[in-house]
Amino acid sequence: MNDRIIELFTDTTLFGISILNLLLALGVATLTFVAARAAISFVQRRVRRWSAHDGAFSQVLAKVLDGTSNALLLLASLLVGLGMLDLPERWLARVGSLWFVVAALQIGLWANRAIALGLRRYFARHGGDGLNQGSALATLSAWGARVLLWSVVVLAMLSNLGVNITAFVASLGVGGIAVALAVQNILGDLFASLSIAVDKPFEVGDFIVVGPLAGTVEHVGLKTTRIRSLGGEQIVMANASMISSTIQNYKRLQERRIVFEFGLSYDTPTDAVKKAPGIIEEAIKAQGQARFDRAHLRGFGKEALEFECVYIVKDPGYNLYMDIQQAINFHLLERFSRIGAKFAVPVRAIKVTALPQEDMLRFKEA
């Protein structure tokens, strides 16, 4: 009975391989997967324990090991099992190539995670308040590093599989020129984002004005920049358009210089006009967060005596500026009313030199 069972497993074949050999290969693959998974789990636990007492390297290493792919580990175990089979020479060569593909993919996954974690820690440490993971420089750096990594991995796998890489790279170069011409607008936005990252005209969190648009920068991407407007809606603007426009960055405003003008009517007494600059200076100096610069009778306008006043708000906040300006306006209204100074009101005079005859008769009758 036992001999018959042994003969059944040894003599029965599937694709030219005995059932016993297949079962042996399957058992070896299973044991390999279980042993490899246990070994990796053991190393992960040790590294996590190490990272709890050590520096950043062990923490990054622990997270990198978390990127181990179970699918690739299973495929590697199956390749170990295939090595136990009596395969033809050409199949053994293919199995050897698959070993390299599995190893390259797993190394690529580990390296990809290490790059992401390393860049994240670097920009968190050196980025300051405005530059973070959403900034253009962080995005470009991560994107460029990953493209380079996977390009090397793919080319290495193709080379191992027997593909002529030289011809392949040359064809990619020619195709790249054609693609670049087709997507030149996208490339323009891409290089504009690089310019934003290097030159830093604005960063995430800055309040900017671009033409008629104003808002807070939320995200700087490879192609577009997203801005949250004062009305609450999100504005999406191409990076190339941003760079080609004049950008006003209010986040970097340290002090706010204010120039305001008003006019007094020509029937204002001369003494009151002479007192006006002193009253303006008094009104500005009464504000704790304002610094007086100058106040002058600038000239004689068509309808008013024109005054120009300049002061500095020590804090860049817009609401503070409006509160100070309102207090100054109230002060001027009160003081000018005391000295008899009158604000100019636009008046248009119409001079009639002649009327039609019928209108003249009606005018006389009236």
Protein backbone atom coordinates (compact mmCIF):
# COMPACT_ATOMS: atom_id res chain seq x y z
CA MET A 1 0.00 0.00 0.00
CA ASN A 2 2.73 2.44 0.94
CA ASP A 3 4.67 1.49 -2.18
CA ARG A 4 1.63 2.25 -4.33
CA ILE A 5 1.20 5.67 -2.71
CA ILE A 6 4.89 6.45 -3.23
CA GLU A 7 4.65 5.28 -6.85
CA LEU A 8 1.56 7.45 -7.32
CA PHE A 9 3.38 10.57 -6.20
CA THR A 10 6.61 9.76 -8.02
CA ASP A 11 5.18 8.45 -11.30
CA THR A 12 2.27 10.88 -11.72
CA THR A 13 3.51 14.03 -13.45
CA LEU A 14 2.10 17.47 -14.14
CA PHE A 15 3.80 19.42 -16.95
CA GLY A 16 6.54 16.84 -16.84
CA ILE A 17 7.16 17.28 -13.08
CA SER A 18 6.21 14.65 -10.52
CA ILE A 19 3.56 15.36 -7.90
CA LEU A 20 6.09 14.64 -5.16
CA ASN A 21 8.46 17.24 -6.56
CA LEU A 22 5.64 19.79 -6.80
CA LEU A 23 4.56 19.14 -3.22
CA LEU A 24 8.14 19.47 -2.06
CA ALA A 25 8.50 22.79 -3.90
CA LEU A 26 5.21 24.05 -2.43
CA GLY A 27 6.29 23.05 1.07
CA VAL A 28 9.64 24.76 0.69
CA ALA A 29 7.94 27.92 -0.65
CA THR A 30 5.52 27.96 2.29
CA LEU A 31 8.25 27.46 4.85
CA THR A 32 10.37 30.13 3.18
CA PHE A 33 7.53 32.67 3.28
CA VAL A 34 6.73 31.95 6.93
CA ALA A 35 10.40 32.09 7.94
CA ALA A 36 11.05 35.30 5.97
CA ARG A 37 7.94 36.99 7.37
CA ALA A 38 8.91 36.00 10.91
CA ALA A 39 12.48 37.23 10.41
CA ILE A 40 11.30 40.58 9.07
CA SER A 41 8.80 40.97 11.93
CA PHE A 42 11.56 40.21 14.42
CA VAL A 43 13.86 42.80 12.86
CA GLN A 44 11.01 45.37 12.82
CA ARG A 45 10.34 44.83 16.52
CA ARG A 46 14.00 45.22 17.36
CA VAL A 47 14.31 48.38 15.27
CA ARG A 48 11.17 49.89 16.84
CA ARG A 49 12.57 49.17 20.29
CA TRP A 50 15.83 50.75 19.20
CA SER A 51 14.08 53.79 17.72
CA ALA A 52 12.31 54.47 21.01
CA HIS A 53 15.69 55.26 22.61
CA ASP A 54 17.78 56.33 19.63
CA GLY A 55 17.68 59.11 17.05
CA ALA A 56 15.99 59.76 13.73
CA PHE A 57 17.86 57.11 11.70
CA SER A 58 16.34 54.19 13.57
CA GLN A 59 12.87 55.74 13.30
CA VAL A 60 13.24 56.11 9.55
CA LEU A 61 14.61 52.56 9.30
CA ALA A 62 11.59 51.19 11.17
CA LYS A 63 9.18 52.94 8.80
CA VAL A 64 11.19 51.80 5.77
CA LEU A 65 10.94 48.17 6.87
CA ASP A 66 7.17 48.65 7.21
CA GLY A 67 7.18 49.08 3.43
CA THR A 68 8.10 45.43 2.86
CA SER A 69 5.64 44.01 0.32
CA ASN A 70 4.00 40.71 1.26
CA ALA A 71 3.21 40.09 -2.40
CA LEU A 72 6.88 40.37 -3.38
CA LEU A 73 7.86 38.27 -0.37
CA LEU A 74 5.40 35.57 -1.49
CA LEU A 75 6.75 35.76 -5.05
CA ALA A 76 10.31 35.36 -3.75
CA SER A 77 9.22 32.32 -1.71
CA LEU A 78 7.64 30.78 -4.80
CA LEU A 79 10.88 31.33 -6.69
CA VAL A 80 12.71 29.46 -3.92
CA GLY A 81 10.22 26.63 -4.35
CA LEU A 82 10.68 26.68 -8.13
CA GLY A 83 14.38 26.16 -7.52
CA MET A 84 13.54 22.78 -6.04
CA LEU A 85 11.90 21.60 -9.26
CA ASP A 86 13.61 19.77 -12.07
CA LEU A 87 13.15 22.55 -14.61
CA PRO A 88 14.73 22.82 -18.06
CA GLU A 89 17.77 25.07 -18.38
CA ARG A 90 15.89 27.86 -20.17
CA TRP A 91 13.30 28.01 -17.36
CA LEU A 92 16.01 28.18 -14.73
CA ALA A 93 17.45 31.24 -16.52
CA ARG A 94 14.04 32.91 -16.45
CA VAL A 95 13.66 32.14 -12.76
CA GLY A 96 17.04 33.81 -12.18
CA SER A 97 15.82 36.91 -14.03
CA LEU A 98 12.66 36.96 -11.92
CA TRP A 99 14.82 36.90 -8.79
CA PHE A 100 16.46 40.13 -9.91
CA VAL A 101 13.08 41.73 -10.74
CA VAL A 102 11.66 40.87 -7.29
CA ALA A 103 14.76 42.12 -5.50
CA ALA A 104 14.85 45.34 -7.57
CA LEU A 105 11.17 46.08 -6.91
CA GLN A 106 11.51 45.52 -3.17
CA ILE A 107 14.66 47.64 -2.96
CA GLY A 108 12.84 50.30 -4.97
CA LEU A 109 9.92 50.28 -2.51
CA TRP A 110 12.29 50.60 0.44
CA ALA A 111 14.24 53.41 -1.24
CA ASN A 112 11.03 55.21 -2.25
CA ARG A 113 9.81 55.22 1.33
CA ALA A 114 13.23 56.27 2.63
CA ILE A 115 13.30 59.21 0.20
CA ALA A 116 9.80 60.33 1.19
CA LEU A 117 10.58 60.13 4.91
CA GLY A 118 13.98 61.78 4.54
CA LEU A 119 12.63 64.71 2.53
CA ARG A 120 9.71 65.12 4.91
CA ARG A 121 12.01 65.37 7.91
CA TYR A 122 14.40 67.69 6.09
CA PHE A 123 11.73 70.19 5.04
CA ALA A 124 10.05 70.00 8.42
CA ARG A 125 13.37 70.92 10.04
CA HIS A 126 14.62 73.50 7.53
CA GLY A 127 11.43 74.74 5.90
CA GLY A 128 10.48 77.37 8.49
CA ASP A 129 6.89 78.60 8.82
CA GLY A 130 6.05 79.03 5.18
CA LEU A 131 7.79 76.11 3.51
CA ASN A 132 6.32 72.68 4.21
CA GLN A 133 5.40 69.46 2.46
CA GLY A 134 2.87 71.30 0.28
CA SER A 135 5.42 73.77 -1.01
CA ALA A 136 6.79 73.66 -4.52
CA LEU A 137 10.35 72.85 -3.48
CA ALA A 138 9.30 69.86 -1.36
CA THR A 139 6.97 68.60 -4.08
CA LEU A 140 9.56 68.98 -6.82
CA SER A 141 12.29 67.37 -4.76
CA ALA A 142 10.17 64.33 -3.91
CA TRP A 143 8.89 64.02 -7.47
CA GLY A 144 12.35 64.32 -9.04
CA ALA A 145 13.94 61.84 -6.62
CA ARG A 146 11.21 59.26 -7.22
CA VAL A 147 11.39 59.63 -11.00
CA LEU A 148 15.16 59.12 -10.88
CA LEU A 149 14.85 56.12 -8.53
CA TRP A 150 12.23 54.25 -10.55
CA SER A 151 13.96 55.09 -13.83
CA VAL A 152 17.10 53.38 -12.53
CA VAL A 153 15.08 50.41 -11.23
CA VAL A 154 13.19 49.94 -14.51
CA LEU A 155 16.34 50.25 -16.63
CA ALA A 156 18.15 47.74 -14.40
CA MET A 157 15.29 45.25 -14.75
CA LEU A 158 15.14 45.69 -18.52
CA SER A 159 18.88 45.21 -18.78
CA ASN A 160 18.65 42.01 -16.72
CA LEU A 161 15.86 40.75 -19.00
CA GLY A 162 18.05 41.23 -22.03
CA VAL A 163 16.67 44.48 -23.42
CA ASN A 164 19.15 46.75 -25.22
CA ILE A 165 19.11 49.74 -22.89
CA THR A 166 21.27 51.95 -25.15
CA ALA A 167 18.77 51.82 -27.99
CA PHE A 168 15.90 52.14 -25.55
CA VAL A 169 17.34 55.28 -23.92
CA ALA A 170 18.04 56.78 -27.36
CA SER A 171 14.45 56.18 -28.44
CA LEU A 172 13.25 57.71 -25.19
CA GLY A 173 15.32 60.81 -25.96
CA VAL A 174 13.71 61.25 -29.38
CA GLY A 175 10.27 60.56 -27.96
CA GLY A 176 10.96 62.97 -25.11
CA ILE A 177 11.55 65.82 -27.54
CA ALA A 178 8.21 65.14 -29.24
CA VAL A 179 6.42 64.94 -25.89
CA ALA A 180 8.09 68.15 -24.70
CA LEU A 181 6.80 70.01 -27.76
CA ALA A 182 3.32 68.62 -27.18
CA VAL A 183 3.19 69.55 -23.50
CA GLN A 184 5.20 72.77 -23.54
CA ASN A 185 2.49 74.62 -21.58
CA ILE A 186 2.65 72.01 -18.83
CA LEU A 187 6.45 72.21 -18.84
CA GLY A 188 6.18 75.99 -18.60
CA ASP A 189 4.11 75.62 -15.44
CA LEU A 190 6.57 73.01 -14.15
CA PHE A 191 9.57 75.31 -14.55
CA ALA A 192 7.52 78.17 -13.13
CA SER A 193 6.94 76.09 -10.00
CA LEU A 194 10.70 75.51 -9.83
CA SER A 195 11.21 79.27 -10.06
CA ILE A 196 8.72 79.77 -7.22
CA ALA A 197 10.55 77.18 -5.14
CA VAL A 198 13.98 78.73 -5.69
CA ASP A 199 13.16 82.45 -5.77
CA LYS A 200 10.35 82.24 -3.17
CA PRO A 201 8.20 85.26 -4.15
CA PHE A 202 5.58 83.77 -1.84
CA GLU A 203 5.11 80.72 0.36
CA VAL A 204 2.22 78.73 1.77
CA GLY A 205 0.29 80.91 4.23
CA ASP A 206 1.23 84.26 2.60
CA PHE A 207 -1.51 86.75 1.71
CA ILE A 208 -0.86 87.90 -1.86
CA VAL A 209 -2.50 90.03 -4.52
CA VAL A 210 -2.10 89.02 -8.17
CA GLY A 211 -3.83 91.50 -10.45
CA PRO A 212 -7.51 91.59 -9.44
CA LEU A 213 -7.18 88.44 -7.31
CA ALA A 214 -6.32 88.41 -3.61
CA GLY A 215 -6.13 85.66 -1.03
CA THR A 216 -4.02 83.34 1.12
CA VAL A 217 -1.77 80.76 -0.56
CA GLU A 218 -2.90 77.24 0.40
CA HIS A 219 -0.81 75.01 -1.87
CA VAL A 220 1.93 75.39 -4.47
CA GLY A 221 1.92 72.42 -6.84
CA LEU A 222 3.83 71.39 -9.93
CA LYS A 223 1.33 73.03 -12.30
CA THR A 224 -1.00 75.24 -10.29
CA THR A 225 -1.14 77.33 -7.14
CA ARG A 226 -4.28 77.29 -5.00
CA ILE A 227 -5.35 80.50 -3.24
CA ARG A 228 -8.17 80.97 -0.72
CA SER A 229 -9.81 84.31 -1.50
CA LEU A 230 -11.33 86.73 0.99
CA GLY A 231 -14.78 85.63 -0.18
CA GLY A 232 -14.02 82.04 0.80
CA GLU A 233 -13.80 80.44 -2.63
CA GLN A 234 -10.67 78.68 -3.84
CA ILE A 235 -8.77 80.21 -6.77
CA VAL A 236 -6.65 77.85 -8.89
CA MET A 237 -4.05 79.68 -10.98
CA ALA A 238 -1.38 78.33 -13.35
CA ASN A 239 2.15 78.83 -12.06
CA ALA A 240 3.31 80.37 -15.35
CA SER A 241 0.57 83.01 -15.08
CA MET A 242 1.58 83.72 -11.49
CA ILE A 243 5.23 84.31 -12.39
CA SER A 244 4.38 86.53 -15.37
CA SER A 245 2.21 88.82 -13.18
CA THR A 246 3.12 91.38 -10.55
CA ILE A 247 2.70 89.82 -7.10
CA GLN A 248 2.08 91.84 -3.96
CA ASN A 249 3.02 89.84 -0.84
CA TYR A 250 1.39 91.37 2.24
CA LYS A 251 2.63 88.63 4.58
CA ARG A 252 6.13 90.13 4.44
CA LEU A 253 4.84 93.62 5.19
CA GLN A 254 6.55 94.88 8.36
CA GLU A 255 5.00 98.36 8.48
CA ARG A 256 2.21 99.90 6.46
CA ARG A 257 2.82 103.35 4.91
CA ILE A 258 -0.43 105.25 4.46
CA VAL A 259 -0.98 108.23 2.17
CA PHE A 260 -4.39 109.89 2.38
CA GLU A 261 -5.70 113.09 0.82
CA PHE A 262 -8.58 115.46 1.39
CA GLY A 263 -9.62 118.91 0.29
CA LEU A 264 -10.84 122.06 2.06
CA SER A 265 -13.17 124.48 0.32
CA TYR A 266 -11.83 127.82 -0.88
CA ASP A 267 -14.12 129.72 1.47
CA THR A 268 -12.31 128.24 4.49
CA PRO A 269 -10.62 131.03 6.53
CA THR A 270 -6.88 131.34 5.96
CA ASP A 271 -6.11 130.89 9.66
CA ALA A 272 -8.03 127.61 9.65
CA VAL A 273 -6.10 126.42 6.57
CA LYS A 274 -2.80 127.21 8.32
CA LYS A 275 -3.88 125.24 11.41
CA ALA A 276 -4.87 122.17 9.37
CA PRO A 277 -1.37 120.51 9.18
CA GLY A 278 -0.95 120.82 12.96
CA ILE A 279 -4.38 119.31 13.56
CA ILE A 280 -3.54 116.41 11.25
CA GLU A 281 -0.24 115.81 13.08
CA GLU A 282 -2.06 115.91 16.40
CA ALA A 283 -4.67 113.40 15.18
CA ILE A 284 -2.04 110.95 13.96
CA LYS A 285 0.20 111.19 17.04
CA ALA A 286 -2.83 110.47 19.23
CA GLN A 287 -2.82 106.91 17.82
CA GLY A 288 -0.46 104.60 19.70
CA GLN A 289 0.33 102.32 16.73
CA ALA A 290 0.86 105.16 14.22
CA ARG A 291 3.96 107.24 13.47
CA PHE A 292 3.51 110.69 11.89
CA ASP A 293 5.51 111.43 8.75
CA ARG A 294 4.23 114.63 7.14
CA ALA A 295 1.15 116.74 6.34
CA HIS A 296 1.19 119.51 3.68
CA LEU A 297 -1.05 121.78 1.69
CA ARG A 298 -0.09 120.16 -1.60
CA GLY A 299 -1.62 122.62 -3.99
CA PHE A 300 -4.60 124.52 -5.28
CA GLY A 301 -7.01 122.24 -7.09
CA LYS A 302 -9.87 123.18 -9.34
CA GLU A 303 -12.43 122.74 -6.60
CA ALA A 304 -10.48 122.57 -3.31
CA LEU A 305 -7.33 123.26 -1.34
CA GLU A 306 -5.60 119.87 -1.60
CA PHE A 307 -3.86 118.36 1.45
CA GLU A 308 -1.61 115.27 1.41
CA CYS A 309 -0.81 113.40 4.62
CA VAL A 310 1.53 110.47 5.30
CA TYR A 311 1.85 108.27 8.38
CA ILE A 312 3.20 104.81 9.24
CA VAL A 313 1.22 102.03 10.91
CA LYS A 314 3.67 100.02 13.02
CA ASP A 315 1.71 96.78 12.59
CA PRO A 316 0.83 95.37 9.12
CA GLY A 317 -2.68 94.27 10.13
CA TYR A 318 -5.34 95.68 7.81
CA ASN A 319 -8.04 95.91 10.47
CA LEU A 320 -5.71 97.91 12.73
CA TYR A 321 -4.98 100.32 9.86
CA MET A 322 -8.70 100.87 9.26
CA ASP A 323 -9.33 101.49 12.96
CA ILE A 324 -6.54 104.09 13.05
CA GLN A 325 -7.76 105.80 9.88
CA GLN A 326 -11.28 105.96 11.26
CA ALA A 327 -10.06 107.52 14.52
CA ILE A 328 -8.06 110.11 12.54
CA ASN A 329 -11.11 110.95 10.41
CA PHE A 330 -13.30 111.46 13.48
CA HIS A 331 -10.63 113.70 15.04
CA LEU A 332 -10.39 115.82 11.88
CA LEU A 333 -14.16 116.20 11.61
CA GLU A 334 -14.37 117.39 15.21
CA ARG A 335 -11.43 119.80 15.13
CA PHE A 336 -12.18 121.28 11.69
CA SER A 337 -15.76 122.02 12.71
CA ARG A 338 -14.41 124.05 15.68
CA ILE A 339 -12.17 126.29 13.59
CA GLY A 340 -14.63 126.70 10.73
CA ALA A 341 -12.76 124.62 8.17
CA LYS A 342 -15.06 123.09 5.58
CA PHE A 343 -14.39 119.99 3.52
CA ALA A 344 -14.69 120.60 -0.18
CA VAL A 345 -17.73 119.26 -1.99
CA PRO A 346 -17.45 118.72 -5.75
CA VAL A 347 -19.50 121.39 -7.53
CA ARG A 348 -20.14 121.72 -11.23
CA ALA A 349 -21.04 125.20 -12.53
CA ILE A 350 -22.98 125.53 -15.79
CA LYS A 351 -22.87 128.87 -17.61
CA VAL A 352 -25.67 129.53 -20.14
CA THR A 353 -24.68 132.08 -22.78
CA ALA A 354 -27.86 131.99 -24.90
CA LEU A 355 -31.30 130.45 -25.00
CA PRO A 356 -33.55 129.76 -28.01
CA GLN A 357 -36.14 132.53 -28.72
CA GLU A 358 -39.14 130.47 -27.61
CA ASP A 359 -37.45 129.63 -24.34
CA MET A 360 -36.61 133.33 -23.77
CA LEU A 361 -40.27 134.32 -24.20
CA ARG A 362 -41.42 131.64 -21.78
CA PHE A 363 -38.73 132.77 -19.32
CA LYS A 364 -39.94 136.41 -19.48
CA GLU A 365 -43.59 135.42 -19.08
CA ALA A 366 -42.68 133.42 -16.10
